[in-house]
Amino acid sequence: APGVPEQGIAAVPAQLARTAAMAGADIRLGMRAGGVGRRDGIA
């Protein structure tokens, strides 16, 4: 029965972000990647 979260669809990624942060992930906002390279086995 599809629907929407009471506080909007953004509640879904907000919950996933809390789960990731509680596991130890460092989420940094306003940080845009400009390119990805690989040298000596390190990205």
PDB file of all heavy atoms in Angstrom:
ATOM      1  N   ALA A   1       0.873  -1.176   0.000  1.00  0.00           N
ATOM      2  CA  ALA A   1       0.000   0.000   0.000  1.00  0.00           C
ATOM      3  C   ALA A   1       0.907   1.222   0.000  1.00  0.00           C
ATOM      4  O   ALA A   1       1.283   1.736   1.065  1.00  0.00           O
ATOM      5  CB  ALA A   1      -0.920   0.005   1.210  1.00  0.00           C
ATOM      6  N   PRO A   2       1.313   1.715  -1.179  1.00  0.00           N
ATOM      7  CA  PRO A   2       2.255   2.840  -1.247  1.00  0.00           C
ATOM      8  C   PRO A   2       1.706   4.092  -0.584  1.00  0.00           C
ATOM      9  O   PRO A   2       0.500   4.340  -0.566  1.00  0.00           O
ATOM     10  CB  PRO A   2       2.434   3.049  -2.761  1.00  0.00           C
ATOM     11  CG  PRO A   2       2.069   1.741  -3.377  1.00  0.00           C
ATOM     12  CD  PRO A   2       0.970   1.190  -2.510  1.00  0.00           C
ATOM     13  N   GLY A   3       2.623   4.866  -0.043  1.00  0.00           N
ATOM     14  CA  GLY A   3       2.226   6.107   0.610  1.00  0.00           C
ATOM     15  C   GLY A   3       3.406   7.034   0.768  1.00  0.00           C
ATOM     16  O   GLY A   3       4.436   6.883   0.098  1.00  0.00           O
ATOM     17  N   VAL A   4       3.264   7.989   1.668  1.00  0.00           N
ATOM     18  CA  VAL A   4       4.333   8.946   1.951  1.00  0.00           C
ATOM     19  C   VAL A   4       4.570   8.994   3.453  1.00  0.00           C
ATOM     20  O   VAL A   4       3.629   8.872   4.235  1.00  0.00           O
ATOM     21  CB  VAL A   4       3.993  10.358   1.423  1.00  0.00           C
ATOM     22  CG1 VAL A   4       3.980  10.376  -0.102  1.00  0.00           C
ATOM     23  CG2 VAL A   4       2.662  10.846   1.979  1.00  0.00           C
ATOM     24  N   PRO A   5       5.823   9.181   3.878  1.00  0.00           N
ATOM     25  CA  PRO A   5       6.086   9.367   5.309  1.00  0.00           C
ATOM     26  C   PRO A   5       5.379  10.624   5.807  1.00  0.00           C
ATOM     27  O   PRO A   5       5.197  11.592   5.068  1.00  0.00           O
ATOM     28  CB  PRO A   5       7.603   9.521   5.374  1.00  0.00           C
ATOM     29  CG  PRO A   5       8.116   8.846   4.135  1.00  0.00           C
ATOM     30  CD  PRO A   5       7.069   9.115   3.088  1.00  0.00           C
ATOM     31  N   GLU A   6       5.011  10.612   7.058  1.00  0.00           N
ATOM     32  CA  GLU A   6       4.268  11.742   7.635  1.00  0.00           C
ATOM     33  C   GLU A   6       4.995  13.064   7.440  1.00  0.00           C
ATOM     34  O   GLU A   6       4.372  14.098   7.187  1.00  0.00           O
ATOM     35  CB  GLU A   6       4.034  11.484   9.118  1.00  0.00           C
ATOM     36  CG  GLU A   6       3.171  12.518   9.797  1.00  0.00           C
ATOM     37  CD  GLU A   6       2.928  12.181  11.257  1.00  0.00           C
ATOM     38  OE1 GLU A   6       3.921  12.100  12.010  1.00  0.00           O
ATOM     39  OE2 GLU A   6       1.765  11.973  11.630  1.00  0.00           O
ATOM     40  N   GLN A   7       6.329  13.051   7.503  1.00  0.00           N
ATOM     41  CA  GLN A   7       7.101  14.283   7.367  1.00  0.00           C
ATOM     42  C   GLN A   7       7.792  14.398   6.009  1.00  0.00           C
ATOM     43  O   GLN A   7       8.763  15.135   5.870  1.00  0.00           O
ATOM     44  CB  GLN A   7       8.131  14.377   8.499  1.00  0.00           C
ATOM     45  CG  GLN A   7       7.513  14.522   9.873  1.00  0.00           C
ATOM     46  CD  GLN A   7       6.557  15.710   9.952  1.00  0.00           C
ATOM     47  OE1 GLN A   7       6.905  16.822   9.531  1.00  0.00           O
ATOM     48  NE2 GLN A   7       5.353  15.478  10.479  1.00  0.00           N
ATOM     49  N   GLY A   8       7.285  13.677   5.014  1.00  0.00           N
ATOM     50  CA  GLY A   8       7.815  13.821   3.671  1.00  0.00           C
ATOM     51  C   GLY A   8       8.798  12.719   3.301  1.00  0.00           C
ATOM     52  O   GLY A   8       9.347  12.038   4.163  1.00  0.00           O
ATOM     53  N   ILE A   9       9.036  12.582   1.997  1.00  0.00           N
ATOM     54  CA  ILE A   9       9.893  11.510   1.503  1.00  0.00           C
ATOM     55  C   ILE A   9      11.319  11.651   2.008  1.00  0.00           C
ATOM     56  O   ILE A   9      12.063  10.670   2.099  1.00  0.00           O
ATOM     57  CB  ILE A   9       9.863  11.474  -0.045  1.00  0.00           C
ATOM     58  CG1 ILE A   9      10.393  10.130  -0.569  1.00  0.00           C
ATOM     59  CG2 ILE A   9      10.630  12.641  -0.635  1.00  0.00           C
ATOM     60  CD1 ILE A   9       9.535   8.944  -0.244  1.00  0.00           C
ATOM     61  N   ALA A  10      11.741  12.863   2.375  1.00  0.00           N
ATOM     62  CA  ALA A  10      13.092  13.076   2.888  1.00  0.00           C
ATOM     63  C   ALA A  10      13.342  12.329   4.192  1.00  0.00           C
ATOM     64  O   ALA A  10      14.497  12.141   4.587  1.00  0.00           O
ATOM     65  CB  ALA A  10      13.368  14.566   3.091  1.00  0.00           C
ATOM     66  N   ALA A  11      12.279  11.892   4.851  1.00  0.00           N
ATOM     67  CA  ALA A  11      12.449  11.130   6.088  1.00  0.00           C
ATOM     68  C   ALA A  11      13.138   9.796   5.836  1.00  0.00           C
ATOM     69  O   ALA A  11      13.768   9.245   6.748  1.00  0.00           O
ATOM     70  CB  ALA A  11      11.092  10.908   6.751  1.00  0.00           C
ATOM     71  N   VAL A  12      13.021   9.272   4.619  1.00  0.00           N
ATOM     72  CA  VAL A  12      13.668   7.990   4.310  1.00  0.00           C
ATOM     73  C   VAL A  12      15.191   8.128   4.305  1.00  0.00           C
ATOM     74  O   VAL A  12      15.881   7.420   5.056  1.00  0.00           O
ATOM     75  CB  VAL A  12      13.155   7.417   2.976  1.00  0.00           C
ATOM     76  CG1 VAL A  12      13.875   6.107   2.645  1.00  0.00           C
ATOM     77  CG2 VAL A  12      11.652   7.187   3.038  1.00  0.00           C
ATOM     78  N   PRO A  13      15.781   9.022   3.476  1.00  0.00           N
ATOM     79  CA  PRO A  13      17.237   9.160   3.537  1.00  0.00           C
ATOM     80  C   PRO A  13      17.729   9.692   4.882  1.00  0.00           C
ATOM     81  O   PRO A  13      18.842   9.365   5.310  1.00  0.00           O
ATOM     82  CB  PRO A  13      17.558  10.138   2.402  1.00  0.00           C
ATOM     83  CG  PRO A  13      16.278  10.850   2.115  1.00  0.00           C
ATOM     84  CD  PRO A  13      15.215   9.846   2.387  1.00  0.00           C
ATOM     85  N   ALA A  14      16.925  10.502   5.570  1.00  0.00           N
ATOM     86  CA  ALA A  14      17.336  10.986   6.889  1.00  0.00           C
ATOM     87  C   ALA A  14      17.509   9.810   7.851  1.00  0.00           C
ATOM     88  O   ALA A  14      18.465   9.764   8.638  1.00  0.00           O
ATOM     89  CB  ALA A  14      16.310  11.980   7.434  1.00  0.00           C
ATOM     90  N   GLN A  15      16.598   8.852   7.780  1.00  0.00           N
ATOM     91  CA  GLN A  15      16.718   7.670   8.625  1.00  0.00           C
ATOM     92  C   GLN A  15      17.941   6.836   8.236  1.00  0.00           C
ATOM     93  O   GLN A  15      18.693   6.359   9.095  1.00  0.00           O
ATOM     94  CB  GLN A  15      15.453   6.808   8.523  1.00  0.00           C
ATOM     95  CG  GLN A  15      15.454   5.599   9.418  1.00  0.00           C
ATOM     96  CD  GLN A  15      14.283   4.668   9.150  1.00  0.00           C
ATOM     97  OE1 GLN A  15      14.430   3.614   8.549  1.00  0.00           O
ATOM     98  NE2 GLN A  15      13.092   5.088   9.587  1.00  0.00           N
ATOM     99  N   LEU A  16      18.163   6.653   6.944  1.00  0.00           N
ATOM    100  CA  LEU A  16      19.328   5.893   6.480  1.00  0.00           C
ATOM    101  C   LEU A  16      20.624   6.580   6.898  1.00  0.00           C
ATOM    102  O   LEU A  16      21.620   5.918   7.236  1.00  0.00           O
ATOM    103  CB  LEU A  16      19.280   5.734   4.965  1.00  0.00           C
ATOM    104  CG  LEU A  16      18.138   4.896   4.391  1.00  0.00           C
ATOM    105  CD1 LEU A  16      18.137   4.977   2.875  1.00  0.00           C
ATOM    106  CD2 LEU A  16      18.243   3.453   4.847  1.00  0.00           C
ATOM    107  N   ALA A  17      20.628   7.918   6.870  1.00  0.00           N
ATOM    108  CA  ALA A  17      21.818   8.664   7.286  1.00  0.00           C
ATOM    109  C   ALA A  17      22.098   8.449   8.768  1.00  0.00           C
ATOM    110  O   ALA A  17      23.259   8.313   9.180  1.00  0.00           O
ATOM    111  CB  ALA A  17      21.642  10.143   6.970  1.00  0.00           C
ATOM    112  N   ARG A  18      21.051   8.422   9.586  1.00  0.00           N
ATOM    113  CA  ARG A  18      21.247   8.176  11.017  1.00  0.00           C
ATOM    114  C   ARG A  18      21.827   6.783  11.251  1.00  0.00           C
ATOM    115  O   ARG A  18      22.715   6.592  12.084  1.00  0.00           O
ATOM    116  CB  ARG A  18      19.924   8.331  11.767  1.00  0.00           C
ATOM    117  CG  ARG A  18      19.446   9.772  11.883  1.00  0.00           C
ATOM    118  CD  ARG A  18      18.359   9.907  12.946  1.00  0.00           C
ATOM    119  NE  ARG A  18      17.201   9.071  12.658  1.00  0.00           N
ATOM    120  CZ  ARG A  18      16.173   9.443  11.920  1.00  0.00           C
ATOM    121  NH1 ARG A  18      16.171  10.655  11.349  1.00  0.00           N
ATOM    122  NH2 ARG A  18      15.150   8.636  11.724  1.00  0.00           N
ATOM    123  N   THR A  19      21.323   5.814  10.490  1.00  0.00           N
ATOM    124  CA  THR A  19      21.836   4.449  10.612  1.00  0.00           C
ATOM    125  C   THR A  19      23.320   4.397  10.259  1.00  0.00           C
ATOM    126  O   THR A  19      24.123   3.768  10.958  1.00  0.00           O
ATOM    127  CB  THR A  19      21.048   3.500   9.691  1.00  0.00           C
ATOM    128  OG1 THR A  19      19.671   3.504  10.073  1.00  0.00           O
ATOM    129  CG2 THR A  19      21.588   2.074   9.782  1.00  0.00           C
ATOM    130  N   ALA A  20      23.694   5.070   9.159  1.00  0.00           N
ATOM    131  CA  ALA A  20      25.095   5.082   8.734  1.00  0.00           C
ATOM    132  C   ALA A  20      25.962   5.800   9.761  1.00  0.00           C
ATOM    133  O   ALA A  20      27.068   5.347  10.097  1.00  0.00           O
ATOM    134  CB  ALA A  20      25.214   5.750   7.366  1.00  0.00           C
ATOM    135  N   ALA A  21      25.484   6.929  10.284  1.00  0.00           N
ATOM    136  CA  ALA A  21      26.267   7.688  11.264  1.00  0.00           C
ATOM    137  C   ALA A  21      26.441   6.903  12.559  1.00  0.00           C
ATOM    138  O   ALA A  21      27.520   6.919  13.167  1.00  0.00           O
ATOM    139  CB  ALA A  21      25.588   9.031  11.538  1.00  0.00           C
ATOM    140  N   MET A  22      25.400   6.204  12.991  1.00  0.00           N
ATOM    141  CA  MET A  22      25.497   5.396  14.207  1.00  0.00           C
ATOM    142  C   MET A  22      26.499   4.261  14.040  1.00  0.00           C
ATOM    143  O   MET A  22      27.126   3.827  15.006  1.00  0.00           O
ATOM    144  CB  MET A  22      24.114   4.847  14.579  1.00  0.00           C
ATOM    145  CG  MET A  22      23.148   5.902  15.110  1.00  0.00           C
ATOM    146  SD  MET A  22      21.486   5.237  15.406  1.00  0.00           S
ATOM    147  CE  MET A  22      21.836   4.020  16.674  1.00  0.00           C
ATOM    148  N   ALA A  23      26.674   3.811  12.791  1.00  0.00           N
ATOM    149  CA  ALA A  23      27.651   2.756  12.520  1.00  0.00           C
ATOM    150  C   ALA A  23      29.070   3.303  12.433  1.00  0.00           C
ATOM    151  O   ALA A  23      30.031   2.529  12.361  1.00  0.00           O
ATOM    152  CB  ALA A  23      27.291   2.030  11.223  1.00  0.00           C
ATOM    153  N   GLY A  24      29.190   4.636  12.411  1.00  0.00           N
ATOM    154  CA  GLY A  24      30.512   5.245  12.382  1.00  0.00           C
ATOM    155  C   GLY A  24      30.850   6.012  11.131  1.00  0.00           C
ATOM    156  O   GLY A  24      31.946   6.590  11.034  1.00  0.00           O
ATOM    157  N   ALA A  25      29.959   6.057  10.148  1.00  0.00           N
ATOM    158  CA  ALA A  25      30.243   6.790   8.916  1.00  0.00           C
ATOM    159  C   ALA A  25      30.221   8.289   9.181  1.00  0.00           C
ATOM    160  O   ALA A  25      29.375   8.791   9.926  1.00  0.00           O
ATOM    161  CB  ALA A  25      29.225   6.430   7.835  1.00  0.00           C
ATOM    162  N   ASP A  26      31.157   8.996   8.570  1.00  0.00           N
ATOM    163  CA  ASP A  26      31.262  10.459   8.684  1.00  0.00           C
ATOM    164  C   ASP A  26      30.627  11.073   7.446  1.00  0.00           C
ATOM    165  O   ASP A  26      31.177  10.981   6.344  1.00  0.00           O
ATOM    166  CB  ASP A  26      32.740  10.855   8.796  1.00  0.00           C
ATOM    167  CG  ASP A  26      32.948  12.356   8.896  1.00  0.00           C
ATOM    168  OD1 ASP A  26      31.952  13.090   9.035  1.00  0.00           O
ATOM    169  OD2 ASP A  26      34.110  12.805   8.815  1.00  0.00           O
ATOM    170  N   ILE A  27      29.451  11.682   7.599  1.00  0.00           N
ATOM    171  CA  ILE A  27      28.728  12.255   6.465  1.00  0.00           C
ATOM    172  C   ILE A  27      29.009  13.748   6.403  1.00  0.00           C
ATOM    173  O   ILE A  27      28.677  14.491   7.339  1.00  0.00           O
ATOM    174  CB  ILE A  27      27.213  11.985   6.590  1.00  0.00           C
ATOM    175  CG1 ILE A  27      26.955  10.477   6.658  1.00  0.00           C
ATOM    176  CG2 ILE A  27      26.460  12.607   5.414  1.00  0.00           C
ATOM    177  CD1 ILE A  27      25.510  10.109   6.942  1.00  0.00           C
ATOM    178  N   ARG A  28      29.610  14.193   5.311  1.00  0.00           N
ATOM    179  CA  ARG A  28      30.003  15.590   5.159  1.00  0.00           C
ATOM    180  C   ARG A  28      29.183  16.226   4.032  1.00  0.00           C
ATOM    181  O   ARG A  28      29.236  15.771   2.880  1.00  0.00           O
ATOM    182  CB  ARG A  28      31.491  15.689   4.845  1.00  0.00           C
ATOM    183  CG  ARG A  28      32.378  15.030   5.897  1.00  0.00           C
ATOM    184  CD  ARG A  28      33.847  15.122   5.532  1.00  0.00           C
ATOM    185  NE  ARG A  28      34.677  14.383   6.478  1.00  0.00           N
ATOM    186  CZ  ARG A  28      36.011  14.289   6.386  1.00  0.00           C
ATOM    187  NH1 ARG A  28      36.649  14.918   5.386  1.00  0.00           N
ATOM    188  NH2 ARG A  28      36.693  13.587   7.274  1.00  0.00           N
ATOM    189  N   LEU A  29      28.454  17.262   4.364  1.00  0.00           N
ATOM    190  CA  LEU A  29      27.591  17.939   3.407  1.00  0.00           C
ATOM    191  C   LEU A  29      28.310  19.122   2.785  1.00  0.00           C
ATOM    192  O   LEU A  29      29.267  19.660   3.335  1.00  0.00           O
ATOM    193  CB  LEU A  29      26.310  18.386   4.094  1.00  0.00           C
ATOM    194  CG  LEU A  29      25.519  17.288   4.821  1.00  0.00           C
ATOM    195  CD1 LEU A  29      24.304  17.878   5.518  1.00  0.00           C
ATOM    196  CD2 LEU A  29      25.119  16.175   3.859  1.00  0.00           C
ATOM    197  N   GLY A  30      27.822  19.538   1.609  1.00  0.00           N
ATOM    198  CA  GLY A  30      28.426  20.665   0.918  1.00  0.00           C
ATOM    199  C   GLY A  30      29.824  20.366   0.409  1.00  0.00           C
ATOM    200  O   GLY A  30      30.641  21.278   0.254  1.00  0.00           O
ATOM    201  N   MET A  31      30.093  19.093   0.107  1.00  0.00           N
ATOM    202  CA  MET A  31      31.414  18.665  -0.362  1.00  0.00           C
ATOM    203  C   MET A  31      31.237  17.983  -1.725  1.00  0.00           C
ATOM    204  O   MET A  31      30.794  16.843  -1.800  1.00  0.00           O
ATOM    205  CB  MET A  31      32.050  17.694   0.626  1.00  0.00           C
ATOM    206  CG  MET A  31      32.228  18.263   2.025  1.00  0.00           C
ATOM    207  SD  MET A  31      33.620  19.405   2.125  1.00  0.00           S
ATOM    208  CE  MET A  31      34.995  18.262   2.170  1.00  0.00           C
ATOM    209  N   ARG A  32      31.570  18.702  -2.784  1.00  0.00           N
ATOM    210  CA  ARG A  32      31.384  18.175  -4.146  1.00  0.00           C
ATOM    211  C   ARG A  32      32.683  17.596  -4.688  1.00  0.00           C
ATOM    212  O   ARG A  32      33.712  18.279  -4.721  1.00  0.00           O
ATOM    213  CB  ARG A  32      30.884  19.274  -5.082  1.00  0.00           C
ATOM    214  CG  ARG A  32      30.725  18.824  -6.543  1.00  0.00           C
ATOM    215  CD  ARG A  32      30.215  19.963  -7.407  1.00  0.00           C
ATOM    216  NE  ARG A  32      28.829  20.269  -7.103  1.00  0.00           N
ATOM    217  CZ  ARG A  32      27.793  19.677  -7.691  1.00  0.00           C
ATOM    218  NH1 ARG A  32      27.993  18.753  -8.620  1.00  0.00           N
ATOM    219  NH2 ARG A  32      26.564  20.013  -7.368  1.00  0.00           N
ATOM    220  N   ALA A  33      32.629  16.348  -5.104  1.00  0.00           N
ATOM    221  CA  ALA A  33      33.788  15.709  -5.710  1.00  0.00           C
ATOM    222  C   ALA A  33      33.994  16.247  -7.116  1.00  0.00           C
ATOM    223  O   ALA A  33      33.043  16.346  -7.901  1.00  0.00           O
ATOM    224  CB  ALA A  33      33.604  14.198  -5.754  1.00  0.00           C
ATOM    225  N   GLY A  34      35.233  16.599  -7.430  1.00  0.00           N
ATOM    226  CA  GLY A  34      35.544  17.127  -8.757  1.00  0.00           C
ATOM    227  C   GLY A  34      36.150  16.114  -9.686  1.00  0.00           C
ATOM    228  O   GLY A  34      36.203  16.325 -10.898  1.00  0.00           O
ATOM    229  N   GLY A  35      36.616  14.987  -9.165  1.00  0.00           N
ATOM    230  CA  GLY A  35      37.219  13.959 -10.002  1.00  0.00           C
ATOM    231  C   GLY A  35      37.762  12.838  -9.139  1.00  0.00           C
ATOM    232  O   GLY A  35      38.013  13.005  -7.936  1.00  0.00           O
ATOM    233  N   VAL A  36      37.929  11.681  -9.756  1.00  0.00           N
ATOM    234  CA  VAL A  36      38.445  10.509  -9.069  1.00  0.00           C
ATOM    235  C   VAL A  36      39.629   9.961  -9.865  1.00  0.00           C
ATOM    236  O   VAL A  36      39.518   9.732 -11.072  1.00  0.00           O
ATOM    237  CB  VAL A  36      37.365   9.410  -8.930  1.00  0.00           C
ATOM    238  CG1 VAL A  36      37.946   8.162  -8.267  1.00  0.00           C
ATOM    239  CG2 VAL A  36      36.170   9.932  -8.137  1.00  0.00           C
ATOM    240  N   GLY A  37      40.750   9.770  -9.197  1.00  0.00           N
ATOM    241  CA  GLY A  37      41.936   9.195  -9.828  1.00  0.00           C
ATOM    242  C   GLY A  37      42.447   8.020  -9.021  1.00  0.00           C
ATOM    243  O   GLY A  37      41.978   7.749  -7.910  1.00  0.00           O
ATOM    244  N   ARG A  38      43.422   7.324  -9.586  1.00  0.00           N
ATOM    245  CA  ARG A  38      43.974   6.138  -8.915  1.00  0.00           C
ATOM    246  C   ARG A  38      45.480   6.125  -9.125  1.00  0.00           C
ATOM    247  O   ARG A  38      45.963   6.106 -10.256  1.00  0.00           O
ATOM    248  CB  ARG A  38      43.323   4.884  -9.506  1.00  0.00           C
ATOM    249  CG  ARG A  38      43.680   3.598  -8.768  1.00  0.00           C
ATOM    250  CD  ARG A  38      42.808   3.408  -7.564  1.00  0.00           C
ATOM    251  NE  ARG A  38      43.132   2.172  -6.837  1.00  0.00           N
ATOM    252  CZ  ARG A  38      42.640   1.848  -5.670  1.00  0.00           C
ATOM    253  NH1 ARG A  38      41.780   2.649  -5.087  1.00  0.00           N
ATOM    254  NH2 ARG A  38      42.987   0.731  -5.076  1.00  0.00           N
ATOM    255  N   ARG A  39      46.243   6.138  -8.019  1.00  0.00           N
ATOM    256  CA  ARG A  39      47.693   6.096  -8.114  1.00  0.00           C
ATOM    257  C   ARG A  39      48.248   5.190  -7.027  1.00  0.00           C
ATOM    258  O   ARG A  39      47.876   5.307  -5.858  1.00  0.00           O
ATOM    259  CB  ARG A  39      48.295   7.504  -7.964  1.00  0.00           C
ATOM    260  CG  ARG A  39      47.933   8.469  -9.073  1.00  0.00           C
ATOM    261  CD  ARG A  39      48.755   9.762  -9.001  1.00  0.00           C
ATOM    262  NE  ARG A  39      48.565  10.477  -7.758  1.00  0.00           N
ATOM    263  CZ  ARG A  39      47.580  11.346  -7.550  1.00  0.00           C
ATOM    264  NH1 ARG A  39      46.684  11.581  -8.508  1.00  0.00           N
ATOM    265  NH2 ARG A  39      47.486  11.986  -6.396  1.00  0.00           N
ATOM    266  N   ASP A  40      49.130   4.262  -7.438  1.00  0.00           N
ATOM    267  CA  ASP A  40      49.817   3.374  -6.489  1.00  0.00           C
ATOM    268  C   ASP A  40      48.831   2.616  -5.600  1.00  0.00           C
ATOM    269  O   ASP A  40      49.044   2.430  -4.393  1.00  0.00           O
ATOM    270  CB  ASP A  40      50.782   4.184  -5.608  1.00  0.00           C
ATOM    271  CG  ASP A  40      51.835   4.915  -6.427  1.00  0.00           C
ATOM    272  OD1 ASP A  40      52.267   4.345  -7.457  1.00  0.00           O
ATOM    273  OD2 ASP A  40      52.194   6.045  -6.050  1.00  0.00           O
ATOM    274  N   GLY A  41      47.732   2.175  -6.220  1.00  0.00           N
ATOM    275  CA  GLY A  41      46.764   1.377  -5.477  1.00  0.00           C
ATOM    276  C   GLY A  41      45.875   2.158  -4.544  1.00  0.00           C
ATOM    277  O   GLY A  41      45.122   1.569  -3.756  1.00  0.00           O
ATOM    278  N   ILE A  42      45.924   3.487  -4.592  1.00  0.00           N
ATOM    279  CA  ILE A  42      45.105   4.331  -3.721  1.00  0.00           C
ATOM    280  C   ILE A  42      44.261   5.261  -4.588  1.00  0.00           C
ATOM    281  O   ILE A  42      44.750   5.848  -5.552  1.00  0.00           O
ATOM    282  CB  ILE A  42      45.981   5.167  -2.767  1.00  0.00           C
ATOM    283  CG1 ILE A  42      46.787   4.246  -1.837  1.00  0.00           C
ATOM    284  CG2 ILE A  42      45.124   6.129  -1.947  1.00  0.00           C
ATOM    285  CD1 ILE A  42      45.930   3.440  -0.874  1.00  0.00           C
ATOM    286  N   ALA A  43      42.978   5.411  -4.224  1.00  0.00           N
ATOM    287  CA  ALA A  43      42.096   6.340  -4.929  1.00  0.00           C
ATOM    288  C   ALA A  43      42.299   7.744  -4.386  1.00  0.00           C
ATOM    289  O   ALA A  43      42.482   7.943  -3.178  1.00  0.00           O
ATOM    290  CB  ALA A  43      40.643   5.919  -4.762  1.00  0.00           C
TER     291      ALA A  43
END
